[in-house]
Amino acid sequence: MTTITHSSLERMLIYGGENEKALVTFYRTADPSRKEEIKRAFNYLFKKYEDNGMFDTSRAFDMLGITPLPARRQS
């Protein structure tokens, strides 16, 4: 089963449509037993946005052979 992390939920909010955004809200507000039901029912969606999934930018950079630029320091 897919491991749901804060990062994967954030990717769903950034790259997903309205259904994914609603699912994140539903998941975040659910009690622990309900979360397990949600994970089982929507595993295929969570899998797309998991760490190293198709929407993980670090994976995309690796696939394209791109080295990401270092973060800019605020002055």
PDB file of N, CA and C in Angstrom:
ATOM      1  N   MET A   1       0.841  -1.179   0.000  1.00  0.00           N
ATOM      2  CA  MET A   1       0.000   0.000   0.000  1.00  0.00           C
ATOM      3  C   MET A   1       0.889   1.247   0.000  1.00  0.00           C
ATOM      4  N   THR A   2       0.424   2.269  -0.600  1.00  0.00           N
ATOM      5  CA  THR A   2       1.140   3.529  -0.733  1.00  0.00           C
ATOM      6  C   THR A   2       1.294   4.217   0.617  1.00  0.00           C
ATOM      7  N   THR A   3       2.477   4.785   0.858  1.00  0.00           N
ATOM      8  CA  THR A   3       2.707   5.588   2.051  1.00  0.00           C
ATOM      9  C   THR A   3       2.337   7.032   1.725  1.00  0.00           C
ATOM     10  N   ILE A   4       1.461   7.595   2.520  1.00  0.00           N
ATOM     11  CA  ILE A   4       1.010   8.960   2.284  1.00  0.00           C
ATOM     12  C   ILE A   4       1.808   9.888   3.186  1.00  0.00           C
ATOM     13  N   THR A   5       2.524  10.816   2.574  1.00  0.00           N
ATOM     14  CA  THR A   5       3.341  11.769   3.312  1.00  0.00           C
ATOM     15  C   THR A   5       2.782  13.175   3.123  1.00  0.00           C
ATOM     16  N   HIS A   6       3.289  14.090   3.931  1.00  0.00           N
ATOM     17  CA  HIS A   6       2.903  15.489   3.771  1.00  0.00           C
ATOM     18  C   HIS A   6       3.259  15.958   2.356  1.00  0.00           C
ATOM     19  N   SER A   7       4.424  15.550   1.871  1.00  0.00           N
ATOM     20  CA  SER A   7       4.867  15.942   0.523  1.00  0.00           C
ATOM     21  C   SER A   7       3.921  15.423  -0.550  1.00  0.00           C
ATOM     22  N   SER A   8       3.476  14.189  -0.410  1.00  0.00           N
ATOM     23  CA  SER A   8       2.580  13.642  -1.435  1.00  0.00           C
ATOM     24  C   SER A   8       1.231  14.360  -1.430  1.00  0.00           C
ATOM     25  N   LEU A   9       0.745  14.729  -0.255  1.00  0.00           N
ATOM     26  CA  LEU A   9      -0.506  15.484  -0.182  1.00  0.00           C
ATOM     27  C   LEU A   9      -0.333  16.877  -0.793  1.00  0.00           C
ATOM     28  N   GLU A  10       0.816  17.493  -0.554  1.00  0.00           N
ATOM     29  CA  GLU A  10       1.089  18.802  -1.149  1.00  0.00           C
ATOM     30  C   GLU A  10       1.143  18.702  -2.671  1.00  0.00           C
ATOM     31  N   ARG A  11       1.748  17.633  -3.199  1.00  0.00           N
ATOM     32  CA  ARG A  11       1.782  17.443  -4.665  1.00  0.00           C
ATOM     33  C   ARG A  11       0.374  17.282  -5.223  1.00  0.00           C
ATOM     34  N   MET A  12      -0.496  16.616  -4.478  1.00  0.00           N
ATOM     35  CA  MET A  12      -1.881  16.468  -4.929  1.00  0.00           C
ATOM     36  C   MET A  12      -2.559  17.828  -5.018  1.00  0.00           C
ATOM     37  N   LEU A  13      -2.270  18.704  -4.052  1.00  0.00           N
ATOM     38  CA  LEU A  13      -2.869  20.045  -4.067  1.00  0.00           C
ATOM     39  C   LEU A  13      -2.321  20.892  -5.207  1.00  0.00           C
ATOM     40  N   ILE A  14      -1.040  20.734  -5.521  1.00  0.00           N
ATOM     41  CA  ILE A  14      -0.408  21.545  -6.564  1.00  0.00           C
ATOM     42  C   ILE A  14      -0.764  21.043  -7.960  1.00  0.00           C
ATOM     43  N   TYR A  15      -0.618  19.741  -8.200  1.00  0.00           N
ATOM     44  CA  TYR A  15      -0.754  19.193  -9.546  1.00  0.00           C
ATOM     45  C   TYR A  15      -2.104  18.545  -9.830  1.00  0.00           C
ATOM     46  N   GLY A  16      -2.858  18.260  -8.785  1.00  0.00           N
ATOM     47  CA  GLY A  16      -4.119  17.560  -8.976  1.00  0.00           C
ATOM     48  C   GLY A  16      -5.265  18.484  -9.341  1.00  0.00           C
ATOM     49  N   GLY A  17      -6.345  17.861  -9.742  1.00  0.00           N
ATOM     50  CA  GLY A  17      -7.562  18.600 -10.059  1.00  0.00           C
ATOM     51  C   GLY A  17      -8.422  18.772  -8.820  1.00  0.00           C
ATOM     52  N   GLU A  18      -9.650  19.164  -9.055  1.00  0.00           N
ATOM     53  CA  GLU A  18     -10.569  19.403  -7.934  1.00  0.00           C
ATOM     54  C   GLU A  18     -10.833  18.136  -7.121  1.00  0.00           C
ATOM     55  N   ASN A  19     -10.890  16.980  -7.779  1.00  0.00           N
ATOM     56  CA  ASN A  19     -11.126  15.733  -7.047  1.00  0.00           C
ATOM     57  C   ASN A  19      -9.983  15.419  -6.095  1.00  0.00           C
ATOM     58  N   GLU A  20      -8.748  15.604  -6.557  1.00  0.00           N
ATOM     59  CA  GLU A  20      -7.598  15.351  -5.706  1.00  0.00           C
ATOM     60  C   GLU A  20      -7.578  16.313  -4.521  1.00  0.00           C
ATOM     61  N   LYS A  21      -7.906  17.570  -4.773  1.00  0.00           N
ATOM     62  CA  LYS A  21      -7.932  18.561  -3.693  1.00  0.00           C
ATOM     63  C   LYS A  21      -8.996  18.204  -2.651  1.00  0.00           C
ATOM     64  N   ALA A  22     -10.140  17.767  -3.110  1.00  0.00           N
ATOM     65  CA  ALA A  22     -11.198  17.346  -2.177  1.00  0.00           C
ATOM     66  C   ALA A  22     -10.767  16.104  -1.400  1.00  0.00           C
ATOM     67  N   LEU A  23     -10.064  15.201  -2.068  1.00  0.00           N
ATOM     68  CA  LEU A  23      -9.587  13.983  -1.402  1.00  0.00           C
ATOM     69  C   LEU A  23      -8.576  14.324  -0.309  1.00  0.00           C
ATOM     70  N   VAL A  24      -7.700  15.288  -0.552  1.00  0.00           N
ATOM     71  CA  VAL A  24      -6.731  15.705   0.467  1.00  0.00           C
ATOM     72  C   VAL A  24      -7.463  16.257   1.685  1.00  0.00           C
ATOM     73  N   THR A  25      -8.450  17.093   1.474  1.00  0.00           N
ATOM     74  CA  THR A  25      -9.233  17.643   2.580  1.00  0.00           C
ATOM     75  C   THR A  25      -9.935  16.534   3.349  1.00  0.00           C
ATOM     76  N   PHE A  26     -10.542  15.609   2.632  1.00  0.00           N
ATOM     77  CA  PHE A  26     -11.236  14.470   3.239  1.00  0.00           C
ATOM     78  C   PHE A  26     -10.257  13.641   4.062  1.00  0.00           C
ATOM     79  N   TYR A  27      -9.079  13.363   3.495  1.00  0.00           N
ATOM     80  CA  TYR A  27      -8.078  12.548   4.181  1.00  0.00           C
ATOM     81  C   TYR A  27      -7.565  13.252   5.433  1.00  0.00           C
ATOM     82  N   ARG A  28      -7.242  14.523   5.311  1.00  0.00           N
ATOM     83  CA  ARG A  28      -6.667  15.256   6.447  1.00  0.00           C
ATOM     84  C   ARG A  28      -7.641  15.393   7.616  1.00  0.00           C
ATOM     85  N   THR A  29      -8.922  15.426   7.343  1.00  0.00           N
ATOM     86  CA  THR A  29      -9.902  15.607   8.416  1.00  0.00           C
ATOM     87  C   THR A  29     -10.475  14.290   8.939  1.00  0.00           C
ATOM     88  N   ALA A  30     -10.082  13.179   8.348  1.00  0.00           N
ATOM     89  CA  ALA A  30     -10.622  11.872   8.738  1.00  0.00           C
ATOM     90  C   ALA A  30      -9.956  11.340  10.003  1.00  0.00           C
ATOM     91  N   ASP A  31     -10.699  10.490  10.721  1.00  0.00           N
ATOM     92  CA  ASP A  31     -10.112   9.815  11.874  1.00  0.00           C
ATOM     93  C   ASP A  31      -9.233   8.663  11.361  1.00  0.00           C
ATOM     94  N   PRO A  32      -8.367   8.090  12.210  1.00  0.00           N
ATOM     95  CA  PRO A  32      -7.406   7.078  11.745  1.00  0.00           C
ATOM     96  C   PRO A  32      -8.019   5.874  11.020  1.00  0.00           C
ATOM     97  N   SER A  33      -9.143   5.357  11.503  1.00  0.00           N
ATOM     98  CA  SER A  33      -9.733   4.194  10.819  1.00  0.00           C
ATOM     99  C   SER A  33     -10.298   4.584   9.455  1.00  0.00           C
ATOM    100  N   ARG A  34     -10.860   5.771   9.358  1.00  0.00           N
ATOM    101  CA  ARG A  34     -11.386   6.247   8.076  1.00  0.00           C
ATOM    102  C   ARG A  34     -10.242   6.489   7.093  1.00  0.00           C
ATOM    103  N   LYS A  35      -9.104   6.982   7.588  1.00  0.00           N
ATOM    104  CA  LYS A  35      -7.948   7.201   6.722  1.00  0.00           C
ATOM    105  C   LYS A  35      -7.518   5.900   6.045  1.00  0.00           C
ATOM    106  N   GLU A  36      -7.558   4.806   6.784  1.00  0.00           N
ATOM    107  CA  GLU A  36      -7.198   3.513   6.195  1.00  0.00           C
ATOM    108  C   GLU A  36      -8.168   3.129   5.075  1.00  0.00           C
ATOM    109  N   GLU A  37      -9.454   3.380   5.290  1.00  0.00           N
ATOM    110  CA  GLU A  37     -10.448   3.107   4.248  1.00  0.00           C
ATOM    111  C   GLU A  37     -10.198   3.969   3.008  1.00  0.00           C
ATOM    112  N   ILE A  38      -9.882   5.240   3.231  1.00  0.00           N
ATOM    113  CA  ILE A  38      -9.618   6.159   2.119  1.00  0.00           C
ATOM    114  C   ILE A  38      -8.387   5.698   1.342  1.00  0.00           C
ATOM    115  N   LYS A  39      -7.328   5.296   2.073  1.00  0.00           N
ATOM    116  CA  LYS A  39      -6.107   4.813   1.411  1.00  0.00           C
ATOM    117  C   LYS A  39      -6.391   3.597   0.533  1.00  0.00           C
ATOM    118  N   ARG A  40      -7.200   2.680   1.037  1.00  0.00           N
ATOM    119  CA  ARG A  40      -7.521   1.479   0.242  1.00  0.00           C
ATOM    120  C   ARG A  40      -8.362   1.831  -0.981  1.00  0.00           C
ATOM    121  N   ALA A  41      -9.332   2.698  -0.801  1.00  0.00           N
ATOM    122  CA  ALA A  41     -10.255   3.034  -1.889  1.00  0.00           C
ATOM    123  C   ALA A  41      -9.588   3.858  -2.985  1.00  0.00           C
ATOM    124  N   PHE A  42      -8.658   4.727  -2.612  1.00  0.00           N
ATOM    125  CA  PHE A  42      -8.057   5.643  -3.575  1.00  0.00           C
ATOM    126  C   PHE A  42      -6.553   5.424  -3.730  1.00  0.00           C
ATOM    127  N   ASN A  43      -6.095   4.206  -3.486  1.00  0.00           N
ATOM    128  CA  ASN A  43      -4.673   3.894  -3.562  1.00  0.00           C
ATOM    129  C   ASN A  43      -4.086   4.272  -4.922  1.00  0.00           C
ATOM    130  N   TYR A  44      -4.828   4.040  -5.989  1.00  0.00           N
ATOM    131  CA  TYR A  44      -4.327   4.355  -7.333  1.00  0.00           C
ATOM    132  C   TYR A  44      -4.032   5.849  -7.489  1.00  0.00           C
ATOM    133  N   LEU A  45      -4.808   6.715  -6.840  1.00  0.00           N
ATOM    134  CA  LEU A  45      -4.561   8.155  -6.906  1.00  0.00           C
ATOM    135  C   LEU A  45      -3.381   8.552  -6.032  1.00  0.00           C
ATOM    136  N   PHE A  46      -3.349   8.047  -4.808  1.00  0.00           N
ATOM    137  CA  PHE A  46      -2.243   8.370  -3.914  1.00  0.00           C
ATOM    138  C   PHE A  46      -0.915   7.915  -4.512  1.00  0.00           C
ATOM    139  N   LYS A  47      -0.927   6.791  -5.221  1.00  0.00           N
ATOM    140  CA  LYS A  47       0.293   6.254  -5.823  1.00  0.00           C
ATOM    141  C   LYS A  47       0.882   7.221  -6.852  1.00  0.00           C
ATOM    142  N   LYS A  48       0.062   7.920  -7.603  1.00  0.00           N
ATOM    143  CA  LYS A  48       0.547   8.884  -8.598  1.00  0.00           C
ATOM    144  C   LYS A  48       1.332  10.018  -7.975  1.00  0.00           C
ATOM    145  N   TYR A  49       0.968  10.393  -6.748  1.00  0.00           N
ATOM    146  CA  TYR A  49       1.549  11.568  -6.110  1.00  0.00           C
ATOM    147  C   TYR A  49       2.534  11.228  -4.993  1.00  0.00           C
ATOM    148  N   GLU A  50       2.809   9.939  -4.782  1.00  0.00           N
ATOM    149  CA  GLU A  50       3.707   9.543  -3.705  1.00  0.00           C
ATOM    150  C   GLU A  50       5.146   9.978  -3.996  1.00  0.00           C
ATOM    151  N   ASP A  51       5.999   9.897  -2.961  1.00  0.00           N
ATOM    152  CA  ASP A  51       7.416  10.182  -3.151  1.00  0.00           C
ATOM    153  C   ASP A  51       7.946   9.226  -4.211  1.00  0.00           C
ATOM    154  N   ASN A  52       8.696   9.752  -5.158  1.00  0.00           N
ATOM    155  CA  ASN A  52       9.220   9.019  -6.318  1.00  0.00           C
ATOM    156  C   ASN A  52       8.131   8.641  -7.319  1.00  0.00           C
ATOM    157  N   GLY A  53       6.953   9.202  -7.168  1.00  0.00           N
ATOM    158  CA  GLY A  53       5.875   8.980  -8.128  1.00  0.00           C
ATOM    159  C   GLY A  53       6.022   9.908  -9.326  1.00  0.00           C
ATOM    160  N   MET A  54       5.069   9.854 -10.215  1.00  0.00           N
ATOM    161  CA  MET A  54       5.189  10.609 -11.462  1.00  0.00           C
ATOM    162  C   MET A  54       5.155  12.127 -11.278  1.00  0.00           C
ATOM    163  N   PHE A  55       4.670  12.615 -10.139  1.00  0.00           N
ATOM    164  CA  PHE A  55       4.621  14.055  -9.907  1.00  0.00           C
ATOM    165  C   PHE A  55       5.697  14.548  -8.944  1.00  0.00           C
ATOM    166  N   ASP A  56       6.601  13.660  -8.533  1.00  0.00           N
ATOM    167  CA  ASP A  56       7.704  14.055  -7.666  1.00  0.00           C
ATOM    168  C   ASP A  56       8.753  14.752  -8.534  1.00  0.00           C
ATOM    169  N   THR A  57       8.985  16.039  -8.313  1.00  0.00           N
ATOM    170  CA  THR A  57       9.875  16.803  -9.203  1.00  0.00           C
ATOM    171  C   THR A  57      11.304  16.286  -9.190  1.00  0.00           C
ATOM    172  N   SER A  58      11.777  15.754  -8.066  1.00  0.00           N
ATOM    173  CA  SER A  58      13.135  15.231  -8.047  1.00  0.00           C
ATOM    174  C   SER A  58      13.254  14.037  -8.998  1.00  0.00           C
ATOM    175  N   ARG A  59      12.213  13.234  -9.086  1.00  0.00           N
ATOM    176  CA  ARG A  59      12.213  12.108 -10.030  1.00  0.00           C
ATOM    177  C   ARG A  59      12.185  12.620 -11.463  1.00  0.00           C
ATOM    178  N   ALA A  60      11.390  13.655 -11.707  1.00  0.00           N
ATOM    179  CA  ALA A  60      11.311  14.224 -13.051  1.00  0.00           C
ATOM    180  C   ALA A  60      12.663  14.771 -13.483  1.00  0.00           C
ATOM    181  N   PHE A  61      13.368  15.446 -12.571  1.00  0.00           N
ATOM    182  CA  PHE A  61      14.696  15.960 -12.901  1.00  0.00           C
ATOM    183  C   PHE A  61      15.633  14.810 -13.263  1.00  0.00           C
ATOM    184  N   ASP A  62      15.587  13.723 -12.497  1.00  0.00           N
ATOM    185  CA  ASP A  62      16.435  12.567 -12.786  1.00  0.00           C
ATOM    186  C   ASP A  62      16.124  11.982 -14.150  1.00  0.00           C
ATOM    187  N   MET A  63      14.842  11.848 -14.461  1.00  0.00           N
ATOM    188  CA  MET A  63      14.433  11.250 -15.734  1.00  0.00           C
ATOM    189  C   MET A  63      14.898  12.097 -16.919  1.00  0.00           C
ATOM    190  N   LEU A  64      14.914  13.423 -16.738  1.00  0.00           N
ATOM    191  CA  LEU A  64      15.307  14.322 -17.811  1.00  0.00           C
ATOM    192  C   LEU A  64      16.802  14.615 -17.821  1.00  0.00           C
ATOM    193  N   GLY A  65      17.522  14.121 -16.816  1.00  0.00           N
ATOM    194  CA  GLY A  65      18.947  14.376 -16.735  1.00  0.00           C
ATOM    195  C   GLY A  65      19.272  15.815 -16.395  1.00  0.00           C
ATOM    196  N   ILE A  66      18.394  16.462 -15.637  1.00  0.00           N
ATOM    197  CA  ILE A  66      18.563  17.873 -15.276  1.00  0.00           C
ATOM    198  C   ILE A  66      19.007  17.959 -13.819  1.00  0.00           C
ATOM    199  N   THR A  67      19.952  18.832 -13.555  1.00  0.00           N
ATOM    200  CA  THR A  67      20.353  19.110 -12.185  1.00  0.00           C
ATOM    201  C   THR A  67      19.620  20.379 -11.746  1.00  0.00           C
ATOM    202  N   PRO A  68      18.781  20.269 -10.702  1.00  0.00           N
ATOM    203  CA  PRO A  68      18.050  21.464 -10.282  1.00  0.00           C
ATOM    204  C   PRO A  68      18.992  22.536  -9.741  1.00  0.00           C
ATOM    205  N   LEU A  69      18.622  23.773  -9.940  1.00  0.00           N
ATOM    206  CA  LEU A  69      19.406  24.881  -9.422  1.00  0.00           C
ATOM    207  C   LEU A  69      19.289  24.938  -7.910  1.00  0.00           C
ATOM    208  N   PRO A  70      20.365  25.332  -7.237  1.00  0.00           N
ATOM    209  CA  PRO A  70      20.264  25.462  -5.771  1.00  0.00           C
ATOM    210  C   PRO A  70      19.292  26.584  -5.405  1.00  0.00           C
ATOM    211  N   ALA A  71      18.687  26.458  -4.252  1.00  0.00           N
ATOM    212  CA  ALA A  71      17.742  27.478  -3.795  1.00  0.00           C
ATOM    213  C   ALA A  71      18.474  28.799  -3.606  1.00  0.00           C
ATOM    214  N   ARG A  72      17.809  29.880  -3.972  1.00  0.00           N
ATOM    215  CA  ARG A  72      18.403  31.207  -3.799  1.00  0.00           C
ATOM    216  C   ARG A  72      18.303  31.626  -2.343  1.00  0.00           C
ATOM    217  N   ARG A  73      19.346  32.240  -1.866  1.00  0.00           N
ATOM    218  CA  ARG A  73      19.327  32.754  -0.498  1.00  0.00           C
ATOM    219  C   ARG A  73      18.683  34.128  -0.490  1.00  0.00           C
ATOM    220  N   GLN A  74      17.854  34.338   0.515  1.00  0.00           N
ATOM    221  CA  GLN A  74      17.230  35.647   0.676  1.00  0.00           C
ATOM    222  C   GLN A  74      18.206  36.564   1.366  1.00  0.00           C
ATOM    223  N   SER A  75      18.336  37.811   0.878  1.00  0.00           N
ATOM    224  CA  SER A  75      19.255  38.745   1.529  1.00  0.00           C
ATOM    225  C   SER A  75      18.522  39.742   2.385  1.00  0.00           C
TER     226      SER A  75
END
